[in-house]
């Protein structure tokens, strides 16, 4: 496997496990959150999907968000299947972008996020994106433990 294939595998496995977890959550808990300042379960799912699109935009613009407007901004929350359907095209575009990269791109393309004082090569930045989703998967497992809901086995 080359570096691009490994990155794609990491994104694929991370999302597969997220979806396995998300689909195992009973609908009656989708609006639950541990406190008023936290994301609800459905909000966290959307945040995960939406942020991938945000990160893709950051990569395309080499760090500059410009006048970014989220495609989710005016959409009502509904259910998991709708959230996944909305994200499908954006996910495909993101994966296609990665497939068209070279190993050299991972080292030489810089993502400069001046507003947060961040300067990373593209390979590092891509790994941080997958890590973001993994963190939220862990949070959601904690939510389900708190609720006493059976947690899907994502460690297959």
N, C-alpha and C. Protein backbone atom coordinates (compact mmCIF):
# COMPACT_ATOMS: atom_id res chain seq x y z
N UNK A 1 0.84 -1.19 0.00
CA UNK A 1 0.00 0.00 0.00
C UNK A 1 0.88 1.25 0.00
N UNK A 2 0.45 2.23 -0.76
CA UNK A 2 1.17 3.50 -0.73
C UNK A 2 0.49 4.45 0.26
N UNK A 3 1.08 5.61 0.45
CA UNK A 3 0.57 6.54 1.47
C UNK A 3 -0.86 7.01 1.18
N UNK A 4 -1.20 7.23 -0.06
CA UNK A 4 -2.56 7.67 -0.41
C UNK A 4 -3.55 6.55 -0.09
N UNK A 5 -3.21 5.33 -0.44
CA UNK A 5 -4.10 4.20 -0.15
C UNK A 5 -4.30 4.02 1.36
N UNK A 6 -3.27 4.24 2.13
CA UNK A 6 -3.39 4.12 3.59
C UNK A 6 -4.29 5.21 4.15
N UNK A 7 -4.13 6.42 3.65
CA UNK A 7 -5.00 7.53 4.10
C UNK A 7 -6.45 7.23 3.73
N UNK A 8 -6.69 6.75 2.52
CA UNK A 8 -8.05 6.41 2.10
C UNK A 8 -8.63 5.28 2.95
N UNK A 9 -7.82 4.29 3.26
CA UNK A 9 -8.29 3.21 4.13
C UNK A 9 -8.66 3.74 5.51
N UNK A 10 -7.85 4.64 6.03
CA UNK A 10 -8.14 5.23 7.35
C UNK A 10 -9.47 5.98 7.32
N UNK A 11 -9.71 6.78 6.29
CA UNK A 11 -10.99 7.49 6.18
C UNK A 11 -12.15 6.52 6.02
N UNK A 12 -11.97 5.49 5.21
CA UNK A 12 -13.02 4.52 4.98
C UNK A 12 -13.37 3.77 6.27
N UNK A 13 -12.37 3.30 6.97
CA UNK A 13 -12.60 2.55 8.21
C UNK A 13 -13.19 3.44 9.31
N UNK A 14 -12.71 4.66 9.40
CA UNK A 14 -13.24 5.58 10.41
C UNK A 14 -14.72 5.82 10.15
N UNK A 15 -15.09 6.10 8.91
CA UNK A 15 -16.50 6.36 8.59
C UNK A 15 -17.35 5.09 8.74
N UNK A 16 -16.82 3.95 8.32
CA UNK A 16 -17.57 2.71 8.46
C UNK A 16 -17.93 2.46 9.93
N UNK A 17 -16.98 2.69 10.81
CA UNK A 17 -17.22 2.46 12.23
C UNK A 17 -18.17 3.51 12.80
N UNK A 18 -18.04 4.75 12.34
CA UNK A 18 -18.97 5.80 12.78
C UNK A 18 -20.40 5.43 12.39
N UNK A 19 -20.59 5.04 11.14
CA UNK A 19 -21.93 4.70 10.67
C UNK A 19 -22.47 3.49 11.42
N UNK A 20 -21.62 2.52 11.68
CA UNK A 20 -22.05 1.35 12.45
C UNK A 20 -22.56 1.78 13.83
N UNK A 21 -21.84 2.70 14.46
CA UNK A 21 -22.27 3.23 15.75
C UNK A 21 -23.57 4.01 15.61
N UNK A 22 -23.61 4.94 14.66
CA UNK A 22 -24.78 5.80 14.49
C UNK A 22 -26.04 4.98 14.23
N UNK A 23 -25.92 3.96 13.40
CA UNK A 23 -27.10 3.14 13.06
C UNK A 23 -27.56 2.29 14.24
N UNK A 24 -26.71 2.11 15.23
CA UNK A 24 -27.08 1.34 16.39
C UNK A 24 -27.75 2.15 17.49
N UNK A 25 -27.93 3.44 17.27
CA UNK A 25 -28.53 4.31 18.28
C UNK A 25 -30.05 4.35 18.06
N UNK A 26 -30.82 3.98 19.06
CA UNK A 26 -32.28 4.05 18.91
C UNK A 26 -32.73 5.50 18.64
N UNK A 27 -33.69 5.65 17.74
CA UNK A 27 -34.18 6.97 17.33
C UNK A 27 -34.59 7.85 18.51
N UNK A 28 -35.13 7.24 19.56
CA UNK A 28 -35.62 8.05 20.68
C UNK A 28 -34.50 8.76 21.44
N UNK A 29 -33.25 8.41 21.15
CA UNK A 29 -32.12 9.06 21.84
C UNK A 29 -31.40 10.08 20.97
N UNK A 30 -31.81 10.27 19.73
CA UNK A 30 -31.09 11.15 18.82
C UNK A 30 -31.02 12.61 19.30
N UNK A 31 -31.99 13.04 20.07
CA UNK A 31 -31.97 14.43 20.56
C UNK A 31 -31.42 14.57 21.97
N UNK A 32 -30.94 13.46 22.54
CA UNK A 32 -30.39 13.49 23.90
C UNK A 32 -29.02 14.15 23.90
N UNK A 33 -28.75 14.91 24.95
CA UNK A 33 -27.42 15.46 25.18
C UNK A 33 -27.18 15.51 26.68
N UNK A 34 -25.93 15.41 27.10
CA UNK A 34 -25.63 15.32 28.53
C UNK A 34 -25.89 16.60 29.31
N UNK A 35 -25.85 17.74 28.61
CA UNK A 35 -26.16 19.02 29.25
C UNK A 35 -26.53 20.02 28.16
N UNK A 36 -26.98 21.18 28.57
CA UNK A 36 -27.49 22.17 27.61
C UNK A 36 -26.43 22.71 26.66
N UNK A 37 -25.17 22.68 27.06
CA UNK A 37 -24.11 23.23 26.22
C UNK A 37 -23.52 22.21 25.25
N UNK A 38 -23.88 20.95 25.41
CA UNK A 38 -23.32 19.87 24.59
C UNK A 38 -24.12 19.69 23.30
N UNK A 39 -23.50 19.01 22.34
CA UNK A 39 -24.22 18.57 21.15
C UNK A 39 -25.19 17.46 21.54
N UNK A 40 -26.36 17.44 20.91
CA UNK A 40 -27.20 16.25 20.99
C UNK A 40 -26.53 15.19 20.11
N UNK A 41 -27.01 13.96 20.18
CA UNK A 41 -26.44 12.91 19.35
C UNK A 41 -26.56 13.26 17.87
N UNK A 42 -27.74 13.70 17.44
CA UNK A 42 -27.93 14.05 16.03
C UNK A 42 -27.09 15.27 15.64
N UNK A 43 -26.97 16.23 16.54
CA UNK A 43 -26.12 17.40 16.26
C UNK A 43 -24.65 16.98 16.10
N UNK A 44 -24.21 16.01 16.90
CA UNK A 44 -22.83 15.56 16.79
C UNK A 44 -22.60 14.81 15.48
N UNK A 45 -23.59 14.04 15.05
CA UNK A 45 -23.48 13.37 13.76
C UNK A 45 -23.36 14.40 12.65
N UNK A 46 -24.25 15.39 12.67
CA UNK A 46 -24.16 16.43 11.64
C UNK A 46 -22.84 17.18 11.72
N UNK A 47 -22.42 17.52 12.91
CA UNK A 47 -21.15 18.22 13.08
C UNK A 47 -20.01 17.43 12.44
N UNK A 48 -20.00 16.13 12.64
CA UNK A 48 -18.95 15.28 12.08
C UNK A 48 -18.99 15.33 10.55
N UNK A 49 -20.17 15.18 9.98
CA UNK A 49 -20.32 15.20 8.52
C UNK A 49 -20.02 16.58 7.95
N UNK A 50 -20.54 17.59 8.59
CA UNK A 50 -20.37 18.96 8.11
C UNK A 50 -18.92 19.41 8.21
N UNK A 51 -18.25 19.03 9.26
CA UNK A 51 -16.87 19.47 9.46
C UNK A 51 -15.95 18.86 8.41
N UNK A 52 -16.25 17.65 7.96
CA UNK A 52 -15.44 17.08 6.88
C UNK A 52 -15.51 17.98 5.64
N UNK A 53 -16.71 18.49 5.35
CA UNK A 53 -16.85 19.41 4.21
C UNK A 53 -16.08 20.71 4.47
N UNK A 54 -16.14 21.21 5.68
CA UNK A 54 -15.39 22.41 6.05
C UNK A 54 -13.89 22.17 5.85
N UNK A 55 -13.39 21.04 6.34
CA UNK A 55 -11.97 20.72 6.18
C UNK A 55 -11.60 20.59 4.70
N UNK A 56 -12.48 20.00 3.90
CA UNK A 56 -12.21 19.88 2.47
C UNK A 56 -12.07 21.28 1.85
N UNK A 57 -12.95 22.18 2.24
CA UNK A 57 -12.87 23.56 1.74
C UNK A 57 -11.56 24.21 2.16
N UNK A 58 -11.16 23.99 3.40
CA UNK A 58 -9.89 24.52 3.88
C UNK A 58 -8.74 24.00 3.03
N UNK A 59 -8.77 22.71 2.71
CA UNK A 59 -7.70 22.13 1.88
C UNK A 59 -7.71 22.74 0.49
N UNK A 60 -8.88 22.83 -0.13
CA UNK A 60 -8.96 23.40 -1.48
C UNK A 60 -8.41 24.82 -1.51
N UNK A 61 -8.64 25.57 -0.44
CA UNK A 61 -8.20 26.97 -0.38
C UNK A 61 -6.87 27.14 0.35
N UNK A 62 -6.21 26.02 0.63
CA UNK A 62 -4.90 26.00 1.30
C UNK A 62 -4.92 26.72 2.65
N UNK A 63 -6.07 26.68 3.30
CA UNK A 63 -6.17 27.23 4.65
C UNK A 63 -7.13 28.38 4.79
N UNK A 64 -7.47 29.02 3.70
CA UNK A 64 -8.33 30.20 3.75
C UNK A 64 -9.80 29.79 3.58
N UNK A 65 -10.61 30.08 4.58
CA UNK A 65 -12.04 29.76 4.49
C UNK A 65 -12.82 30.78 3.67
N UNK A 66 -12.27 31.97 3.51
CA UNK A 66 -12.97 32.99 2.75
C UNK A 66 -14.36 33.24 3.30
N UNK A 67 -15.35 33.28 2.44
CA UNK A 67 -16.74 33.53 2.86
C UNK A 67 -17.52 32.21 2.91
N UNK A 68 -16.91 31.19 3.48
CA UNK A 68 -17.50 29.86 3.56
C UNK A 68 -18.91 29.90 4.14
N UNK A 69 -19.81 29.22 3.44
CA UNK A 69 -21.17 29.03 3.94
C UNK A 69 -21.46 27.53 3.89
N UNK A 70 -21.77 26.97 5.01
CA UNK A 70 -22.04 25.54 5.09
C UNK A 70 -23.31 25.18 4.34
N UNK A 71 -23.28 24.11 3.54
CA UNK A 71 -24.50 23.64 2.88
C UNK A 71 -25.56 23.16 3.87
N UNK A 72 -25.18 22.93 5.11
CA UNK A 72 -26.10 22.47 6.14
C UNK A 72 -26.75 23.64 6.90
N UNK A 73 -26.27 24.84 6.69
CA UNK A 73 -26.62 25.97 7.54
C UNK A 73 -28.13 26.16 7.74
N UNK A 74 -28.90 26.05 6.71
CA UNK A 74 -30.33 26.32 6.82
C UNK A 74 -31.19 25.05 6.84
N UNK A 75 -30.56 23.91 7.04
CA UNK A 75 -31.29 22.65 7.00
C UNK A 75 -31.73 22.23 8.40
N UNK A 76 -32.94 21.74 8.49
CA UNK A 76 -33.47 21.21 9.75
C UNK A 76 -32.86 19.83 10.01
N UNK A 77 -32.67 19.52 11.27
CA UNK A 77 -32.26 18.17 11.64
C UNK A 77 -33.45 17.25 11.43
N UNK A 78 -33.19 16.04 10.95
CA UNK A 78 -34.31 15.10 10.78
C UNK A 78 -33.93 13.73 11.33
N UNK A 79 -33.17 12.96 10.57
CA UNK A 79 -32.79 11.63 11.01
C UNK A 79 -31.46 11.24 10.39
N UNK A 80 -30.94 10.13 10.82
CA UNK A 80 -29.61 9.70 10.37
C UNK A 80 -29.56 9.52 8.86
N UNK A 81 -30.52 8.83 8.29
CA UNK A 81 -30.47 8.56 6.85
C UNK A 81 -30.46 9.85 6.04
N UNK A 82 -31.22 10.85 6.46
CA UNK A 82 -31.22 12.12 5.76
C UNK A 82 -29.87 12.82 5.90
N UNK A 83 -29.30 12.78 7.09
CA UNK A 83 -27.98 13.40 7.30
C UNK A 83 -26.93 12.75 6.41
N UNK A 84 -26.96 11.42 6.31
CA UNK A 84 -26.00 10.71 5.46
C UNK A 84 -26.24 11.02 3.99
N UNK A 85 -27.50 11.15 3.60
CA UNK A 85 -27.83 11.47 2.20
C UNK A 85 -27.32 12.86 1.83
N UNK A 86 -27.49 13.81 2.72
CA UNK A 86 -26.99 15.17 2.46
C UNK A 86 -25.48 15.15 2.28
N UNK A 87 -24.79 14.38 3.11
CA UNK A 87 -23.33 14.37 3.12
C UNK A 87 -22.73 13.55 1.99
N UNK A 88 -23.50 12.69 1.35
CA UNK A 88 -22.97 11.73 0.38
C UNK A 88 -22.15 12.39 -0.73
N UNK A 89 -22.67 13.39 -1.39
CA UNK A 89 -21.96 14.05 -2.49
C UNK A 89 -20.68 14.72 -1.99
N UNK A 90 -20.76 15.36 -0.83
CA UNK A 90 -19.58 16.05 -0.29
C UNK A 90 -18.50 15.04 0.10
N UNK A 91 -18.92 13.89 0.63
CA UNK A 91 -17.97 12.83 0.97
C UNK A 91 -17.30 12.30 -0.29
N UNK A 92 -18.09 12.06 -1.33
CA UNK A 92 -17.53 11.57 -2.59
C UNK A 92 -16.52 12.55 -3.17
N UNK A 93 -16.83 13.84 -3.13
CA UNK A 93 -15.91 14.86 -3.63
C UNK A 93 -14.61 14.88 -2.81
N UNK A 94 -14.75 14.74 -1.49
CA UNK A 94 -13.59 14.74 -0.60
C UNK A 94 -12.69 13.54 -0.90
N UNK A 95 -13.28 12.36 -1.01
CA UNK A 95 -12.51 11.14 -1.28
C UNK A 95 -11.86 11.23 -2.66
N UNK A 96 -12.58 11.76 -3.63
CA UNK A 96 -12.02 11.93 -4.97
C UNK A 96 -10.80 12.85 -4.94
N UNK A 97 -10.88 13.92 -4.16
CA UNK A 97 -9.74 14.83 -4.03
C UNK A 97 -8.53 14.06 -3.51
N UNK A 98 -8.73 13.24 -2.48
CA UNK A 98 -7.61 12.48 -1.92
C UNK A 98 -7.06 11.49 -2.95
N UNK A 99 -7.93 10.83 -3.69
CA UNK A 99 -7.49 9.85 -4.70
C UNK A 99 -6.63 10.50 -5.77
N UNK A 100 -6.82 11.79 -6.00
CA UNK A 100 -6.06 12.48 -7.04
C UNK A 100 -4.77 13.12 -6.54
N UNK A 101 -4.46 12.91 -5.27
CA UNK A 101 -3.22 13.43 -4.72
C UNK A 101 -2.05 12.51 -5.05
N UNK A 102 -0.86 13.04 -4.93
CA UNK A 102 0.35 12.23 -5.04
C UNK A 102 1.03 12.19 -3.68
N UNK A 103 1.94 11.26 -3.53
CA UNK A 103 2.70 11.18 -2.28
C UNK A 103 3.45 12.48 -2.05
N UNK A 104 3.93 13.08 -3.09
CA UNK A 104 4.64 14.36 -2.97
C UNK A 104 3.72 15.46 -2.46
N UNK A 105 2.45 15.47 -2.91
CA UNK A 105 1.48 16.46 -2.44
C UNK A 105 1.35 16.43 -0.92
N UNK A 106 1.37 15.24 -0.35
CA UNK A 106 1.19 15.10 1.10
C UNK A 106 2.27 15.84 1.87
N UNK A 107 3.45 15.94 1.29
CA UNK A 107 4.58 16.61 1.95
C UNK A 107 4.70 18.07 1.56
N UNK A 108 4.39 18.40 0.32
CA UNK A 108 4.70 19.75 -0.17
C UNK A 108 3.55 20.74 -0.07
N UNK A 109 2.33 20.28 -0.10
CA UNK A 109 1.19 21.21 0.01
C UNK A 109 1.05 21.61 1.47
N UNK A 110 1.01 22.91 1.70
CA UNK A 110 0.87 23.44 3.05
C UNK A 110 -0.52 23.98 3.26
N UNK A 111 -1.06 23.72 4.43
CA UNK A 111 -2.34 24.28 4.84
C UNK A 111 -2.02 25.32 5.90
N UNK A 112 -2.24 26.57 5.57
CA UNK A 112 -1.90 27.70 6.44
C UNK A 112 -3.18 28.31 7.00
N UNK A 113 -3.44 28.04 8.27
CA UNK A 113 -4.64 28.58 8.92
C UNK A 113 -4.20 29.69 9.87
N UNK A 114 -4.01 30.85 9.32
CA UNK A 114 -3.49 31.97 10.10
C UNK A 114 -4.38 32.36 11.27
N UNK A 115 -5.72 32.21 11.10
CA UNK A 115 -6.64 32.61 12.16
C UNK A 115 -6.49 31.77 13.42
N UNK A 116 -5.91 30.57 13.28
CA UNK A 116 -5.68 29.71 14.45
C UNK A 116 -4.20 29.41 14.65
N UNK A 117 -3.33 30.08 13.88
CA UNK A 117 -1.90 29.89 14.03
C UNK A 117 -1.44 28.48 13.68
N UNK A 118 -2.02 27.90 12.63
CA UNK A 118 -1.71 26.52 12.28
C UNK A 118 -1.09 26.46 10.89
N UNK A 119 0.02 25.74 10.79
CA UNK A 119 0.67 25.50 9.52
C UNK A 119 1.06 24.03 9.47
N UNK A 120 0.42 23.27 8.57
CA UNK A 120 0.62 21.83 8.50
C UNK A 120 0.81 21.40 7.06
N UNK A 121 1.57 20.33 6.86
CA UNK A 121 1.59 19.76 5.51
C UNK A 121 0.29 18.98 5.32
N UNK A 122 -0.06 18.74 4.08
CA UNK A 122 -1.36 18.14 3.77
C UNK A 122 -1.52 16.75 4.38
N UNK A 123 -0.48 15.94 4.38
CA UNK A 123 -0.58 14.61 4.97
C UNK A 123 -0.96 14.67 6.44
N UNK A 124 -0.32 15.56 7.18
CA UNK A 124 -0.64 15.76 8.59
C UNK A 124 -2.08 16.23 8.73
N UNK A 125 -2.46 17.19 7.92
CA UNK A 125 -3.80 17.76 8.02
C UNK A 125 -4.88 16.71 7.75
N UNK A 126 -4.67 15.86 6.76
CA UNK A 126 -5.65 14.80 6.47
C UNK A 126 -5.81 13.85 7.65
N UNK A 127 -4.71 13.51 8.28
CA UNK A 127 -4.80 12.62 9.44
C UNK A 127 -5.54 13.28 10.60
N UNK A 128 -5.41 14.57 10.75
CA UNK A 128 -6.14 15.29 11.79
C UNK A 128 -7.65 15.28 11.52
N UNK A 129 -8.03 15.28 10.25
CA UNK A 129 -9.44 15.24 9.90
C UNK A 129 -10.05 13.90 10.34
N UNK A 130 -9.37 12.81 10.03
CA UNK A 130 -9.87 11.50 10.45
C UNK A 130 -9.90 11.40 11.97
N UNK A 131 -8.91 11.97 12.62
CA UNK A 131 -8.87 11.95 14.08
C UNK A 131 -10.07 12.69 14.67
N UNK A 132 -10.46 13.80 14.06
CA UNK A 132 -11.61 14.57 14.53
C UNK A 132 -12.86 13.68 14.59
N UNK A 133 -13.10 12.93 13.53
CA UNK A 133 -14.26 12.03 13.51
C UNK A 133 -14.12 10.96 14.58
N UNK A 134 -12.92 10.42 14.76
CA UNK A 134 -12.69 9.39 15.78
C UNK A 134 -12.98 9.90 17.18
N UNK A 135 -12.58 11.13 17.45
CA UNK A 135 -12.85 11.72 18.76
C UNK A 135 -14.35 11.76 19.02
N UNK A 136 -15.12 12.21 18.03
CA UNK A 136 -16.56 12.30 18.22
C UNK A 136 -17.20 10.91 18.33
N UNK A 137 -16.64 9.92 17.69
CA UNK A 137 -17.12 8.55 17.87
C UNK A 137 -16.94 8.13 19.32
N UNK A 138 -15.78 8.44 19.88
CA UNK A 138 -15.55 8.13 21.29
C UNK A 138 -16.50 8.87 22.22
N UNK A 139 -16.74 10.14 21.92
CA UNK A 139 -17.71 10.90 22.72
C UNK A 139 -19.08 10.25 22.69
N UNK A 140 -19.48 9.84 21.50
CA UNK A 140 -20.81 9.25 21.37
C UNK A 140 -20.90 7.92 22.11
N UNK A 141 -19.84 7.15 22.10
CA UNK A 141 -19.83 5.91 22.89
C UNK A 141 -20.03 6.25 24.37
N UNK A 142 -19.42 7.33 24.82
CA UNK A 142 -19.63 7.79 26.20
C UNK A 142 -21.07 8.19 26.46
N UNK A 143 -21.68 8.87 25.50
CA UNK A 143 -23.09 9.24 25.63
C UNK A 143 -23.94 7.99 25.85
N UNK A 144 -23.70 6.99 24.99
CA UNK A 144 -24.51 5.77 25.07
C UNK A 144 -24.28 5.03 26.38
N UNK A 145 -23.06 5.03 26.86
CA UNK A 145 -22.77 4.41 28.16
C UNK A 145 -23.55 5.12 29.26
N UNK A 146 -23.56 6.45 29.21
CA UNK A 146 -24.30 7.24 30.20
C UNK A 146 -25.79 6.91 30.16
N UNK A 147 -26.32 6.74 28.96
CA UNK A 147 -27.74 6.42 28.79
C UNK A 147 -28.08 4.98 29.14
N UNK A 148 -27.06 4.14 29.25
CA UNK A 148 -27.31 2.73 29.50
C UNK A 148 -27.79 1.99 28.27
N UNK A 149 -27.48 2.54 27.09
CA UNK A 149 -27.89 1.94 25.82
C UNK A 149 -26.78 0.99 25.35
N UNK A 150 -27.18 -0.16 24.83
CA UNK A 150 -26.19 -1.08 24.28
C UNK A 150 -25.41 -0.38 23.18
N UNK A 151 -24.11 -0.55 23.21
CA UNK A 151 -23.25 0.09 22.22
C UNK A 151 -22.86 -0.92 21.14
N UNK A 152 -23.01 -0.55 19.86
CA UNK A 152 -22.60 -1.46 18.79
C UNK A 152 -21.10 -1.76 18.90
N UNK A 153 -20.71 -2.96 18.55
CA UNK A 153 -19.32 -3.35 18.58
C UNK A 153 -18.65 -2.79 17.32
N UNK A 154 -17.89 -1.72 17.49
CA UNK A 154 -17.23 -1.11 16.34
C UNK A 154 -15.78 -1.58 16.20
N UNK A 155 -15.32 -2.40 17.11
CA UNK A 155 -13.93 -2.86 17.11
C UNK A 155 -13.81 -4.23 16.47
N UNK A 156 -14.39 -4.39 15.29
CA UNK A 156 -14.36 -5.68 14.61
C UNK A 156 -13.07 -5.90 13.85
